[in-house]
Amino acid sequence: MIRNIALLTFNDLAMALKNKTLYLVLFIPLFVFLTLELVDNNGTDVQQIKIGLIENGDYPAGLLESIETAEGAFEVFWFVSEEQGTRWLEERNGDGVLVPTKESGGSLLIVLEKASFETLVIVESIAELQRAVEDRSNWISEIRPLQDAAIQRQMLPTWILMLVLLVGFIVLPTQVAEEKEKKLLLGLLQTPIREAEWLLAKIALGTILIAIAALLLHLLMTFDSEPGGRLSYLVFLLAGGFCFSAFGIFVGFLCRTQASARTLGVLFYLPHLLPSALADFSEKLSSVAPLIPSYQFYQPVRSILLDGGEVADFPLQLLALVGVGLLASFLSWWLMKRRWLM
């Protein structure tokens, strides 16, 4: 059984090289790398600064009055504690939070990224207000970023998700539909090779392609995670590869031709990509995204790569990926047994 699975896997890799599928998988990381190199790190102009303040906070004299009378330059949000303001900032609902500090007599400015255009605008705006009232004290005594990383690092989980979904919903369904359309699968099933062996070989192919693409992307971006998070990242990468490879095979079995498989694959690809990748920027998407399997992969990977999370922090997400993969594998096996659209 293992010999048959290995032979089928190597055969699929050879076919992927012959029909340019492997070239496509390798081209995507190169494209992402070159695109990020051309990204302008400067943000756009901020029309109104969304600043968070702490209720009953002992701020420097004149700070609150200057912000509230700044002719619409600031939109003020009040919070009971620093933790509540930090959560609000992590959800990307504002630009910064000012927390009073007793030691320095000034304020601590909490921002998402220290080296960002929004942080510069906040500091310059408050400094201008301070100069207007001729106060020589330090209204902002310290700046603390929540995320100290470049845009390449911040976007890496999104690109990893894109690669996984590309293989799962574009590459594999098309290959499965091609084997059905050319009667190759029907011929294989008339040999001693069994349905489960063919299915496991296809899942192995998808997982290998995902691993190659992810590894190349990491090498090009020279990204290195914490030693304790590498195993956790590998576990979720393999779980995601299994889940979406099995899902993609099932999508391929629903189609009769390669053209229909590509169309149906895109219809699955975009709804899995956009809500998960944009969940941090929309309250509505953040409530819908947890309902789709891709978010159960994207959220842990993002936490592991950017925040030092571990696999033990996401047991339900891991079970969800494995469960969806097993369900899709069973449905594909069931369709194979009935020679669906063959």
C-alpha atoms as a PDB file:
ATOM      1  CA  MET A   1       0.000   0.000   0.000  1.00  0.00           C
ATOM      2  CA  ILE A   2       2.791   2.426   0.940  1.00  0.00           C
ATOM      3  CA  ARG A   3       4.644   1.569  -2.278  1.00  0.00           C
ATOM      4  CA  ASN A   4       1.562   2.338  -4.383  1.00  0.00           C
ATOM      5  CA  ILE A   5       0.987   5.635  -2.584  1.00  0.00           C
ATOM      6  CA  ALA A   6       4.640   6.643  -3.087  1.00  0.00           C
ATOM      7  CA  LEU A   7       4.568   5.733  -6.798  1.00  0.00           C
ATOM      8  CA  LEU A   8       1.344   7.652  -7.354  1.00  0.00           C
ATOM      9  CA  THR A   9       2.702  10.670  -5.476  1.00  0.00           C
ATOM     10  CA  PHE A  10       5.904  10.786  -7.563  1.00  0.00           C
ATOM     11  CA  ASN A  11       3.839  10.320 -10.702  1.00  0.00           C
ATOM     12  CA  ASP A  12       1.648  13.274  -9.725  1.00  0.00           C
ATOM     13  CA  LEU A  13       4.741  15.402  -9.051  1.00  0.00           C
ATOM     14  CA  ALA A  14       6.066  14.525 -12.511  1.00  0.00           C
ATOM     15  CA  MET A  15       2.720  15.444 -14.065  1.00  0.00           C
ATOM     16  CA  ALA A  16       2.713  18.715 -12.125  1.00  0.00           C
ATOM     17  CA  LEU A  17       6.136  19.498 -13.603  1.00  0.00           C
ATOM     18  CA  LYS A  18       5.034  18.516 -17.104  1.00  0.00           C
ATOM     19  CA  ASN A  19       1.794  20.527 -17.188  1.00  0.00           C
ATOM     20  CA  LYS A  20       3.399  23.621 -15.580  1.00  0.00           C
ATOM     21  CA  THR A  21       1.444  23.285 -12.313  1.00  0.00           C
ATOM     22  CA  LEU A  22       4.645  23.278 -10.268  1.00  0.00           C
ATOM     23  CA  TYR A  23       5.807  26.397 -12.119  1.00  0.00           C
ATOM     24  CA  LEU A  24       2.603  28.142 -11.059  1.00  0.00           C
ATOM     25  CA  VAL A  25       3.099  27.216  -7.410  1.00  0.00           C
ATOM     26  CA  LEU A  26       6.709  28.445  -7.493  1.00  0.00           C
ATOM     27  CA  PHE A  27       5.798  31.639  -9.364  1.00  0.00           C
ATOM     28  CA  ILE A  28       3.333  32.874  -6.731  1.00  0.00           C
ATOM     29  CA  PRO A  29       5.953  33.327  -3.942  1.00  0.00           C
ATOM     30  CA  LEU A  30       8.255  35.102  -6.416  1.00  0.00           C
ATOM     31  CA  PHE A  31       5.402  37.380  -7.452  1.00  0.00           C
ATOM     32  CA  VAL A  32       4.520  38.127  -3.819  1.00  0.00           C
ATOM     33  CA  PHE A  33       8.152  38.878  -2.977  1.00  0.00           C
ATOM     34  CA  LEU A  34       8.624  41.261  -5.886  1.00  0.00           C
ATOM     35  CA  THR A  35       5.300  42.974  -5.156  1.00  0.00           C
ATOM     36  CA  LEU A  36       6.208  43.579  -1.516  1.00  0.00           C
ATOM     37  CA  GLU A  37       9.553  45.004  -2.559  1.00  0.00           C
ATOM     38  CA  LEU A  38       7.680  47.654  -4.540  1.00  0.00           C
ATOM     39  CA  VAL A  39       5.237  48.502  -1.756  1.00  0.00           C
ATOM     40  CA  ASP A  40       5.441  52.075  -0.493  1.00  0.00           C
ATOM     41  CA  ASN A  41       5.631  51.880   3.298  1.00  0.00           C
ATOM     42  CA  ASN A  42       4.224  55.368   3.700  1.00  0.00           C
ATOM     43  CA  GLY A  43       0.556  55.496   4.592  1.00  0.00           C
ATOM     44  CA  THR A  44      -2.055  57.840   3.273  1.00  0.00           C
ATOM     45  CA  ASP A  45      -3.059  61.154   4.837  1.00  0.00           C
ATOM     46  CA  VAL A  46      -5.117  60.859   7.992  1.00  0.00           C
ATOM     47  CA  GLN A  47      -8.123  63.145   7.862  1.00  0.00           C
ATOM     48  CA  GLN A  48      -9.134  62.722  11.492  1.00  0.00           C
ATOM     49  CA  ILE A  49      -7.121  61.072  14.242  1.00  0.00           C
ATOM     50  CA  LYS A  50      -9.026  58.497  16.308  1.00  0.00           C
ATOM     51  CA  ILE A  51      -7.480  58.751  19.748  1.00  0.00           C
ATOM     52  CA  GLY A  52      -8.409  56.772  22.851  1.00  0.00           C
ATOM     53  CA  LEU A  53      -8.320  58.309  26.339  1.00  0.00           C
ATOM     54  CA  ILE A  54      -8.709  56.812  29.815  1.00  0.00           C
ATOM     55  CA  GLU A  55     -11.605  58.005  31.958  1.00  0.00           C
ATOM     56  CA  ASN A  56     -10.538  59.826  35.141  1.00  0.00           C
ATOM     57  CA  GLY A  57      -6.939  59.773  33.911  1.00  0.00           C
ATOM     58  CA  ASP A  58      -4.469  62.293  35.357  1.00  0.00           C
ATOM     59  CA  TYR A  59      -3.302  63.828  32.070  1.00  0.00           C
ATOM     60  CA  PRO A  60      -0.950  66.821  31.784  1.00  0.00           C
ATOM     61  CA  ALA A  61      -2.632  70.195  32.203  1.00  0.00           C
ATOM     62  CA  GLY A  62      -4.106  71.481  28.984  1.00  0.00           C
ATOM     63  CA  LEU A  63      -3.871  68.174  27.061  1.00  0.00           C
ATOM     64  CA  LEU A  64      -7.536  67.174  27.232  1.00  0.00           C
ATOM     65  CA  GLU A  65      -8.800  70.691  26.601  1.00  0.00           C
ATOM     66  CA  SER A  66      -6.496  71.115  23.586  1.00  0.00           C
ATOM     67  CA  ILE A  67      -7.560  67.798  22.030  1.00  0.00           C
ATOM     68  CA  GLU A  68     -11.279  68.472  22.524  1.00  0.00           C
ATOM     69  CA  THR A  69     -11.006  71.979  21.017  1.00  0.00           C
ATOM     70  CA  ALA A  70      -8.783  71.046  18.082  1.00  0.00           C
ATOM     71  CA  GLU A  71     -11.496  71.819  15.508  1.00  0.00           C
ATOM     72  CA  GLY A  72     -12.254  68.246  14.510  1.00  0.00           C
ATOM     73  CA  ALA A  73      -8.652  67.110  14.181  1.00  0.00           C
ATOM     74  CA  PHE A  74      -9.261  64.396  16.805  1.00  0.00           C
ATOM     75  CA  GLU A  75     -12.107  61.953  17.353  1.00  0.00           C
ATOM     76  CA  VAL A  76     -11.984  61.012  21.034  1.00  0.00           C
ATOM     77  CA  PHE A  77     -12.982  57.605  22.442  1.00  0.00           C
ATOM     78  CA  TRP A  78     -13.157  57.058  26.206  1.00  0.00           C
ATOM     79  CA  PHE A  79     -12.186  53.804  27.942  1.00  0.00           C
ATOM     80  CA  VAL A  80     -12.359  52.585  31.511  1.00  0.00           C
ATOM     81  CA  SER A  81      -8.907  50.970  31.526  1.00  0.00           C
ATOM     82  CA  GLU A  82      -5.732  50.651  29.487  1.00  0.00           C
ATOM     83  CA  GLU A  83      -6.599  47.016  28.657  1.00  0.00           C
ATOM     84  CA  GLN A  84      -9.913  48.061  27.101  1.00  0.00           C
ATOM     85  CA  GLY A  85      -8.189  50.714  25.005  1.00  0.00           C
ATOM     86  CA  THR A  86      -5.505  48.253  23.890  1.00  0.00           C
ATOM     87  CA  ARG A  87      -8.144  45.757  22.720  1.00  0.00           C
ATOM     88  CA  TRP A  88      -9.865  48.564  20.798  1.00  0.00           C
ATOM     89  CA  LEU A  89      -6.573  49.423  19.143  1.00  0.00           C
ATOM     90  CA  GLU A  90      -5.775  45.762  18.328  1.00  0.00           C
ATOM     91  CA  GLU A  91      -9.108  45.544  16.523  1.00  0.00           C
ATOM     92  CA  ARG A  92      -7.876  48.436  14.335  1.00  0.00           C
ATOM     93  CA  ASN A  93     -10.707  50.743  15.345  1.00  0.00           C
ATOM     94  CA  GLY A  94      -8.410  53.668  16.103  1.00  0.00           C
ATOM     95  CA  ASP A  95      -4.973  55.198  15.617  1.00  0.00           C
ATOM     96  CA  GLY A  96      -3.634  55.370  19.177  1.00  0.00           C
ATOM     97  CA  VAL A  97      -4.368  55.371  22.912  1.00  0.00           C
ATOM     98  CA  LEU A  98      -3.021  57.918  25.408  1.00  0.00           C
ATOM     99  CA  VAL A  99      -2.437  56.560  28.914  1.00  0.00           C
ATOM    100  CA  PRO A 100      -1.362  58.907  31.759  1.00  0.00           C
ATOM    101  CA  THR A 101       1.911  58.010  33.531  1.00  0.00           C
ATOM    102  CA  LYS A 102       2.582  59.169  37.075  1.00  0.00           C
ATOM    103  CA  GLU A 103       6.356  58.611  36.911  1.00  0.00           C
ATOM    104  CA  SER A 104       7.087  61.077  34.115  1.00  0.00           C
ATOM    105  CA  GLY A 105       4.048  63.299  34.493  1.00  0.00           C
ATOM    106  CA  GLY A 106       3.282  62.849  30.808  1.00  0.00           C
ATOM    107  CA  SER A 107       1.399  60.265  28.766  1.00  0.00           C
ATOM    108  CA  LEU A 108       2.171  56.916  27.196  1.00  0.00           C
ATOM    109  CA  LEU A 109       1.129  56.715  23.541  1.00  0.00           C
ATOM    110  CA  ILE A 110       0.163  53.163  22.509  1.00  0.00           C
ATOM    111  CA  VAL A 111       0.098  52.577  18.736  1.00  0.00           C
ATOM    112  CA  LEU A 112      -0.020  49.588  16.413  1.00  0.00           C
ATOM    113  CA  GLU A 113       3.363  50.310  14.815  1.00  0.00           C
ATOM    114  CA  LYS A 114       5.922  52.848  15.993  1.00  0.00           C
ATOM    115  CA  ALA A 115       7.450  53.445  12.557  1.00  0.00           C
ATOM    116  CA  SER A 116       4.191  54.296  10.816  1.00  0.00           C
ATOM    117  CA  PHE A 117       2.677  57.364   9.218  1.00  0.00           C
ATOM    118  CA  GLU A 118      -0.253  57.380  11.665  1.00  0.00           C
ATOM    119  CA  THR A 119       2.089  57.496  14.671  1.00  0.00           C
ATOM    120  CA  LEU A 120       4.004  60.414  13.168  1.00  0.00           C
ATOM    121  CA  VAL A 121       0.770  62.330  12.573  1.00  0.00           C
ATOM    122  CA  ILE A 122      -0.381  61.802  16.182  1.00  0.00           C
ATOM    123  CA  VAL A 123       2.944  62.950  17.660  1.00  0.00           C
ATOM    124  CA  GLU A 124       3.191  65.991  15.395  1.00  0.00           C
ATOM    125  CA  SER A 125      -0.442  66.988  16.008  1.00  0.00           C
ATOM    126  CA  ILE A 126      -0.136  66.801  19.782  1.00  0.00           C
ATOM    127  CA  ALA A 127       3.218  68.607  19.680  1.00  0.00           C
ATOM    128  CA  GLU A 128       1.580  71.398  17.681  1.00  0.00           C
ATOM    129  CA  LEU A 129      -1.202  71.688  20.267  1.00  0.00           C
ATOM    130  CA  GLN A 130       1.431  71.804  23.010  1.00  0.00           C
ATOM    131  CA  ARG A 131       3.324  74.599  21.290  1.00  0.00           C
ATOM    132  CA  ALA A 132       0.078  76.527  20.869  1.00  0.00           C
ATOM    133  CA  VAL A 133      -0.509  76.637  24.648  1.00  0.00           C
ATOM    134  CA  GLU A 134       3.229  77.214  25.317  1.00  0.00           C
ATOM    135  CA  ASP A 135       3.515  74.223  27.635  1.00  0.00           C
ATOM    136  CA  ARG A 136       7.129  72.997  27.890  1.00  0.00           C
ATOM    137  CA  SER A 137       6.337  69.719  29.657  1.00  0.00           C
ATOM    138  CA  ASN A 138       6.290  66.387  27.777  1.00  0.00           C
ATOM    139  CA  TRP A 139       2.700  65.531  26.897  1.00  0.00           C
ATOM    140  CA  ILE A 140       3.961  62.319  25.251  1.00  0.00           C
ATOM    141  CA  SER A 141       6.781  60.842  27.324  1.00  0.00           C
ATOM    142  CA  GLU A 142       6.886  57.372  25.735  1.00  0.00           C
ATOM    143  CA  ILE A 143       5.631  55.533  22.651  1.00  0.00           C
ATOM    144  CA  ARG A 144       4.844  51.817  22.910  1.00  0.00           C
ATOM    145  CA  PRO A 145       4.010  49.859  19.741  1.00  0.00           C
ATOM    146  CA  LEU A 146       1.804  46.767  19.798  1.00  0.00           C
ATOM    147  CA  GLN A 147       3.365  45.462  16.600  1.00  0.00           C
ATOM    148  CA  ASP A 148       6.994  46.177  15.800  1.00  0.00           C
ATOM    149  CA  ALA A 149       7.296  44.670  12.328  1.00  0.00           C
ATOM    150  CA  ALA A 150       7.539  45.653   8.679  1.00  0.00           C
ATOM    151  CA  ILE A 151       4.692  45.265   6.243  1.00  0.00           C
ATOM    152  CA  GLN A 152       6.380  42.176   4.753  1.00  0.00           C
ATOM    153  CA  ARG A 153       6.129  40.402   8.113  1.00  0.00           C
ATOM    154  CA  GLN A 154       2.572  41.575   8.748  1.00  0.00           C
ATOM    155  CA  MET A 155       1.370  40.347   5.356  1.00  0.00           C
ATOM    156  CA  LEU A 156       3.110  36.960   5.482  1.00  0.00           C
ATOM    157  CA  PRO A 157       0.140  35.032   7.010  1.00  0.00           C
ATOM    158  CA  THR A 158      -2.115  36.379   4.254  1.00  0.00           C
ATOM    159  CA  TRP A 159       0.264  35.188   1.547  1.00  0.00           C
ATOM    160  CA  ILE A 160       0.556  31.781   3.221  1.00  0.00           C
ATOM    161  CA  LEU A 161      -3.237  31.533   3.259  1.00  0.00           C
ATOM    162  CA  MET A 162      -3.354  32.508  -0.413  1.00  0.00           C
ATOM    163  CA  LEU A 163      -0.868  29.775  -1.340  1.00  0.00           C
ATOM    164  CA  VAL A 164      -2.735  27.107   0.616  1.00  0.00           C
ATOM    165  CA  LEU A 165      -6.064  28.048  -0.985  1.00  0.00           C
ATOM    166  CA  LEU A 166      -4.471  28.303  -4.430  1.00  0.00           C
ATOM    167  CA  VAL A 167      -3.305  24.708  -4.283  1.00  0.00           C
ATOM    168  CA  GLY A 168      -6.504  23.506  -2.625  1.00  0.00           C
ATOM    169  CA  PHE A 169      -9.105  25.204  -4.806  1.00  0.00           C
ATOM    170  CA  ILE A 170      -7.326  25.896  -8.116  1.00  0.00           C
ATOM    171  CA  VAL A 171      -4.577  23.319  -8.692  1.00  0.00           C
ATOM    172  CA  LEU A 172      -6.053  20.098  -7.261  1.00  0.00           C
ATOM    173  CA  PRO A 173      -9.649  20.412  -8.557  1.00  0.00           C
ATOM    174  CA  THR A 174      -8.347  21.041 -12.072  1.00  0.00           C
ATOM    175  CA  GLN A 175      -6.029  18.030 -11.914  1.00  0.00           C
ATOM    176  CA  VAL A 176      -8.772  15.752 -10.566  1.00  0.00           C
ATOM    177  CA  ALA A 177     -11.183  16.920 -13.256  1.00  0.00           C
ATOM    178  CA  GLU A 178      -8.501  16.368 -15.929  1.00  0.00           C
ATOM    179  CA  GLU A 179      -7.984  12.763 -14.839  1.00  0.00           C
ATOM    180  CA  LYS A 180     -11.735  12.211 -14.903  1.00  0.00           C
ATOM    181  CA  GLU A 181     -12.208  13.941 -18.256  1.00  0.00           C
ATOM    182  CA  LYS A 182      -9.447  11.901 -19.927  1.00  0.00           C
ATOM    183  CA  LYS A 183     -10.629   8.659 -18.258  1.00  0.00           C
ATOM    184  CA  LEU A 184      -7.234   8.316 -16.539  1.00  0.00           C
ATOM    185  CA  LEU A 185      -8.783   7.870 -13.110  1.00  0.00           C
ATOM    186  CA  LEU A 186     -11.194   5.232 -14.372  1.00  0.00           C
ATOM    187  CA  GLY A 187      -8.270   3.342 -15.874  1.00  0.00           C
ATOM    188  CA  LEU A 188      -6.280   3.499 -12.633  1.00  0.00           C
ATOM    189  CA  LEU A 189      -9.218   2.161 -10.654  1.00  0.00           C
ATOM    190  CA  GLN A 190      -9.297  -0.907 -12.903  1.00  0.00           C
ATOM    191  CA  THR A 191      -5.789  -1.808 -11.697  1.00  0.00           C
ATOM    192  CA  PRO A 192      -4.937  -3.168  -8.214  1.00  0.00           C
ATOM    193  CA  ILE A 193      -4.729   0.448  -6.999  1.00  0.00           C
ATOM    194  CA  ARG A 194      -7.587   1.166  -4.614  1.00  0.00           C
ATOM    195  CA  GLU A 195      -9.620   4.346  -4.142  1.00  0.00           C
ATOM    196  CA  ALA A 196      -8.076   5.132  -0.746  1.00  0.00           C
ATOM    197  CA  GLU A 197      -4.546   4.874  -2.147  1.00  0.00           C
ATOM    198  CA  TRP A 198      -5.299   7.283  -4.988  1.00  0.00           C
ATOM    199  CA  LEU A 199      -6.944   9.689  -2.539  1.00  0.00           C
ATOM    200  CA  LEU A 200      -4.017   9.614  -0.108  1.00  0.00           C
ATOM    201  CA  ALA A 201      -1.578  10.218  -2.972  1.00  0.00           C
ATOM    202  CA  LYS A 202      -3.517  13.292  -4.088  1.00  0.00           C
ATOM    203  CA  ILE A 203      -3.601  14.652  -0.527  1.00  0.00           C
ATOM    204  CA  ALA A 204       0.154  14.037  -0.263  1.00  0.00           C
ATOM    205  CA  LEU A 205       0.667  15.927  -3.533  1.00  0.00           C
ATOM    206  CA  GLY A 206      -1.296  18.941  -2.293  1.00  0.00           C
ATOM    207  CA  THR A 207       0.551  18.979   1.033  1.00  0.00           C
ATOM    208  CA  ILE A 208       3.956  18.774  -0.685  1.00  0.00           C
ATOM    209  CA  LEU A 209       3.122  21.614  -3.075  1.00  0.00           C
ATOM    210  CA  ILE A 210       1.937  23.779  -0.172  1.00  0.00           C
ATOM    211  CA  ALA A 211       5.091  23.023   1.835  1.00  0.00           C
ATOM    212  CA  ILE A 212       7.373  23.850  -1.129  1.00  0.00           C
ATOM    213  CA  ALA A 213       5.610  27.156  -1.815  1.00  0.00           C
ATOM    214  CA  ALA A 214       5.626  28.184   1.866  1.00  0.00           C
ATOM    215  CA  LEU A 215       9.301  27.277   2.266  1.00  0.00           C
ATOM    216  CA  LEU A 216      10.284  29.273  -0.812  1.00  0.00           C
ATOM    217  CA  LEU A 217       8.308  32.280   0.396  1.00  0.00           C
ATOM    218  CA  HIS A 218      10.055  32.153   3.781  1.00  0.00           C
ATOM    219  CA  LEU A 219      13.479  31.902   2.145  1.00  0.00           C
ATOM    220  CA  LEU A 220      12.831  34.836  -0.167  1.00  0.00           C
ATOM    221  CA  MET A 221      11.545  37.025   2.664  1.00  0.00           C
ATOM    222  CA  THR A 222      14.293  35.845   5.053  1.00  0.00           C
ATOM    223  CA  PHE A 223      11.635  35.343   7.706  1.00  0.00           C
ATOM    224  CA  ASP A 224      12.542  33.287  10.772  1.00  0.00           C
ATOM    225  CA  SER A 225      10.048  32.555  13.525  1.00  0.00           C
ATOM    226  CA  GLU A 226      10.794  31.848  17.164  1.00  0.00           C
ATOM    227  CA  PRO A 227      12.297  28.375  17.802  1.00  0.00           C
ATOM    228  CA  GLY A 228       9.342  27.380  19.973  1.00  0.00           C
ATOM    229  CA  GLY A 229       6.852  28.396  17.292  1.00  0.00           C
ATOM    230  CA  ARG A 230       8.366  26.477  14.374  1.00  0.00           C
ATOM    231  CA  LEU A 231       6.824  23.168  15.369  1.00  0.00           C
ATOM    232  CA  SER A 232       3.451  24.814  15.977  1.00  0.00           C
ATOM    233  CA  TYR A 233       3.627  26.517  12.591  1.00  0.00           C
ATOM    234  CA  LEU A 234       4.557  23.240  10.884  1.00  0.00           C
ATOM    235  CA  VAL A 235       1.652  21.443  12.568  1.00  0.00           C
ATOM    236  CA  PHE A 236      -0.876  23.986  11.312  1.00  0.00           C
ATOM    237  CA  LEU A 237       0.713  24.115   7.863  1.00  0.00           C
ATOM    238  CA  LEU A 238       0.340  20.336   7.557  1.00  0.00           C
ATOM    239  CA  ALA A 239      -3.178  20.443   8.989  1.00  0.00           C
ATOM    240  CA  GLY A 240      -4.140  23.175   6.545  1.00  0.00           C
ATOM    241  CA  GLY A 241      -2.515  21.260   3.691  1.00  0.00           C
ATOM    242  CA  PHE A 242      -4.499  18.155   4.565  1.00  0.00           C
ATOM    243  CA  CYS A 243      -7.763  20.038   5.024  1.00  0.00           C
ATOM    244  CA  PHE A 244      -7.725  22.081   1.838  1.00  0.00           C
ATOM    245  CA  SER A 245      -6.142  19.354  -0.292  1.00  0.00           C
ATOM    246  CA  ALA A 246      -8.991  17.027   0.663  1.00  0.00           C
ATOM    247  CA  PHE A 247     -11.475  19.845   0.130  1.00  0.00           C
ATOM    248  CA  GLY A 248     -10.025  20.580  -3.311  1.00  0.00           C
ATOM    249  CA  ILE A 249     -10.228  16.928  -4.346  1.00  0.00           C
ATOM    250  CA  PHE A 250     -13.892  16.903  -3.376  1.00  0.00           C
ATOM    251  CA  VAL A 251     -14.469  20.055  -5.442  1.00  0.00           C
ATOM    252  CA  GLY A 252     -12.804  18.339  -8.397  1.00  0.00           C
ATOM    253  CA  PHE A 253     -15.154  15.375  -8.093  1.00  0.00           C
ATOM    254  CA  LEU A 254     -18.144  17.693  -8.367  1.00  0.00           C
ATOM    255  CA  CYS A 255     -17.065  18.716 -11.880  1.00  0.00           C
ATOM    256  CA  ARG A 256     -16.996  16.866 -15.182  1.00  0.00           C
ATOM    257  CA  THR A 257     -14.429  19.015 -17.037  1.00  0.00           C
ATOM    258  CA  GLN A 258     -11.332  21.067 -16.272  1.00  0.00           C
ATOM    259  CA  ALA A 259     -13.079  24.307 -17.199  1.00  0.00           C
ATOM    260  CA  SER A 260     -15.896  23.732 -14.725  1.00  0.00           C
ATOM    261  CA  ALA A 261     -13.347  22.761 -12.049  1.00  0.00           C
ATOM    262  CA  ARG A 262     -11.458  26.036 -12.497  1.00  0.00           C
ATOM    263  CA  THR A 263     -14.681  28.014 -12.290  1.00  0.00           C
ATOM    264  CA  LEU A 264     -15.940  26.205  -9.211  1.00  0.00           C
ATOM    265  CA  GLY A 265     -12.487  26.431  -7.640  1.00  0.00           C
ATOM    266  CA  VAL A 266     -12.466  30.217  -7.935  1.00  0.00           C
ATOM    267  CA  LEU A 267     -15.956  30.329  -6.437  1.00  0.00           C
ATOM    268  CA  PHE A 268     -14.592  28.514  -3.388  1.00  0.00           C
ATOM    269  CA  TYR A 269     -11.246  30.337  -3.407  1.00  0.00           C
ATOM    270  CA  LEU A 270     -12.393  33.930  -3.053  1.00  0.00           C
ATOM    271  CA  PRO A 271     -14.960  33.401  -0.245  1.00  0.00           C
ATOM    272  CA  HIS A 272     -12.303  31.563   1.748  1.00  0.00           C
ATOM    273  CA  LEU A 273      -9.582  34.153   1.098  1.00  0.00           C
ATOM    274  CA  LEU A 274     -11.194  37.569   1.464  1.00  0.00           C
ATOM    275  CA  PRO A 275     -13.228  37.231   4.704  1.00  0.00           C
ATOM    276  CA  SER A 276     -10.291  35.658   6.563  1.00  0.00           C
ATOM    277  CA  ALA A 277      -7.676  38.100   5.291  1.00  0.00           C
ATOM    278  CA  LEU A 278      -9.851  41.187   5.838  1.00  0.00           C
ATOM    279  CA  ALA A 279     -11.503  40.167   9.116  1.00  0.00           C
ATOM    280  CA  ASP A 280      -9.289  42.580  11.087  1.00  0.00           C
ATOM    281  CA  PHE A 281     -10.576  45.544   9.086  1.00  0.00           C
ATOM    282  CA  SER A 282     -14.326  44.930   9.284  1.00  0.00           C
ATOM    283  CA  GLU A 283     -16.591  44.165  12.211  1.00  0.00           C
ATOM    284  CA  LYS A 284     -19.057  42.356   9.948  1.00  0.00           C
ATOM    285  CA  LEU A 285     -16.375  40.194   8.377  1.00  0.00           C
ATOM    286  CA  SER A 286     -14.940  39.371  11.800  1.00  0.00           C
ATOM    287  CA  SER A 287     -18.291  37.866  12.770  1.00  0.00           C
ATOM    288  CA  VAL A 288     -18.653  35.880   9.531  1.00  0.00           C
ATOM    289  CA  ALA A 289     -15.041  34.711   9.078  1.00  0.00           C
ATOM    290  CA  PRO A 290     -15.001  32.164  11.963  1.00  0.00           C
ATOM    291  CA  LEU A 291     -17.699  30.183  10.134  1.00  0.00           C
ATOM    292  CA  ILE A 292     -15.396  29.228   7.239  1.00  0.00           C
ATOM    293  CA  PRO A 293     -12.516  26.698   7.443  1.00  0.00           C
ATOM    294  CA  SER A 294      -9.864  29.083   6.112  1.00  0.00           C
ATOM    295  CA  TYR A 295     -10.179  31.331   9.174  1.00  0.00           C
ATOM    296  CA  GLN A 296      -9.470  28.336  11.430  1.00  0.00           C
ATOM    297  CA  PHE A 297      -6.144  28.083   9.600  1.00  0.00           C
ATOM    298  CA  TYR A 298      -5.379  31.782   9.166  1.00  0.00           C
ATOM    299  CA  GLN A 299      -5.967  32.898  12.762  1.00  0.00           C
ATOM    300  CA  PRO A 300      -3.568  30.389  14.407  1.00  0.00           C
ATOM    301  CA  VAL A 301      -0.885  30.864  11.721  1.00  0.00           C
ATOM    302  CA  ARG A 302      -1.095  34.634  12.135  1.00  0.00           C
ATOM    303  CA  SER A 303      -0.793  34.345  15.917  1.00  0.00           C
ATOM    304  CA  ILE A 304       2.131  31.907  15.689  1.00  0.00           C
ATOM    305  CA  LEU A 305       4.108  33.960  13.167  1.00  0.00           C
ATOM    306  CA  LEU A 306       3.436  37.427  14.585  1.00  0.00           C
ATOM    307  CA  ASP A 307       2.554  37.046  18.263  1.00  0.00           C
ATOM    308  CA  GLY A 308       4.504  33.970  19.351  1.00  0.00           C
ATOM    309  CA  GLY A 309       1.471  31.711  19.743  1.00  0.00           C
ATOM    310  CA  GLU A 310       1.639  27.932  20.110  1.00  0.00           C
ATOM    311  CA  VAL A 311      -0.387  25.009  18.841  1.00  0.00           C
ATOM    312  CA  ALA A 312      -1.705  24.418  22.373  1.00  0.00           C
ATOM    313  CA  ASP A 313      -3.499  27.771  22.191  1.00  0.00           C
ATOM    314  CA  PHE A 314      -5.678  26.639  19.263  1.00  0.00           C
ATOM    315  CA  PRO A 315      -6.935  23.086  19.884  1.00  0.00           C
ATOM    316  CA  LEU A 316     -10.421  23.766  18.492  1.00  0.00           C
ATOM    317  CA  GLN A 317      -9.042  25.270  15.283  1.00  0.00           C
ATOM    318  CA  LEU A 318      -6.779  22.250  14.782  1.00  0.00           C
ATOM    319  CA  LEU A 319      -9.678  19.861  15.331  1.00  0.00           C
ATOM    320  CA  ALA A 320     -11.812  21.864  12.903  1.00  0.00           C
ATOM    321  CA  LEU A 321      -9.179  21.609  10.143  1.00  0.00           C
ATOM    322  CA  VAL A 322      -8.711  17.882  10.667  1.00  0.00           C
ATOM    323  CA  GLY A 323     -12.480  17.357  10.852  1.00  0.00           C
ATOM    324  CA  VAL A 324     -13.157  19.219   7.610  1.00  0.00           C
ATOM    325  CA  GLY A 325     -10.332  17.299   5.931  1.00  0.00           C
ATOM    326  CA  LEU A 326     -11.683  13.943   7.078  1.00  0.00           C
ATOM    327  CA  LEU A 327     -15.219  14.841   5.986  1.00  0.00           C
ATOM    328  CA  ALA A 328     -14.043  15.979   2.544  1.00  0.00           C
ATOM    329  CA  SER A 329     -11.919  12.824   2.203  1.00  0.00           C
ATOM    330  CA  PHE A 330     -14.871  10.606   3.031  1.00  0.00           C
ATOM    331  CA  LEU A 331     -17.122  12.425   0.552  1.00  0.00           C
ATOM    332  CA  SER A 332     -14.481  12.109  -2.170  1.00  0.00           C
ATOM    333  CA  TRP A 333     -14.060   8.397  -1.427  1.00  0.00           C
ATOM    334  CA  TRP A 334     -17.841   7.950  -1.540  1.00  0.00           C
ATOM    335  CA  LEU A 335     -18.040   9.671  -4.939  1.00  0.00           C
ATOM    336  CA  MET A 336     -15.179   7.541  -6.250  1.00  0.00           C
ATOM    337  CA  LYS A 337     -16.948   4.381  -5.194  1.00  0.00           C
ATOM    338  CA  ARG A 338     -19.950   5.462  -7.273  1.00  0.00           C
ATOM    339  CA  ARG A 339     -17.758   6.547 -10.209  1.00  0.00           C
ATOM    340  CA  TRP A 340     -19.300  10.021 -10.043  1.00  0.00           C
ATOM    341  CA  LEU A 341     -19.241  11.795 -13.447  1.00  0.00           C
ATOM    342  CA  MET A 342     -16.635   9.339 -14.796  1.00  0.00           C
END
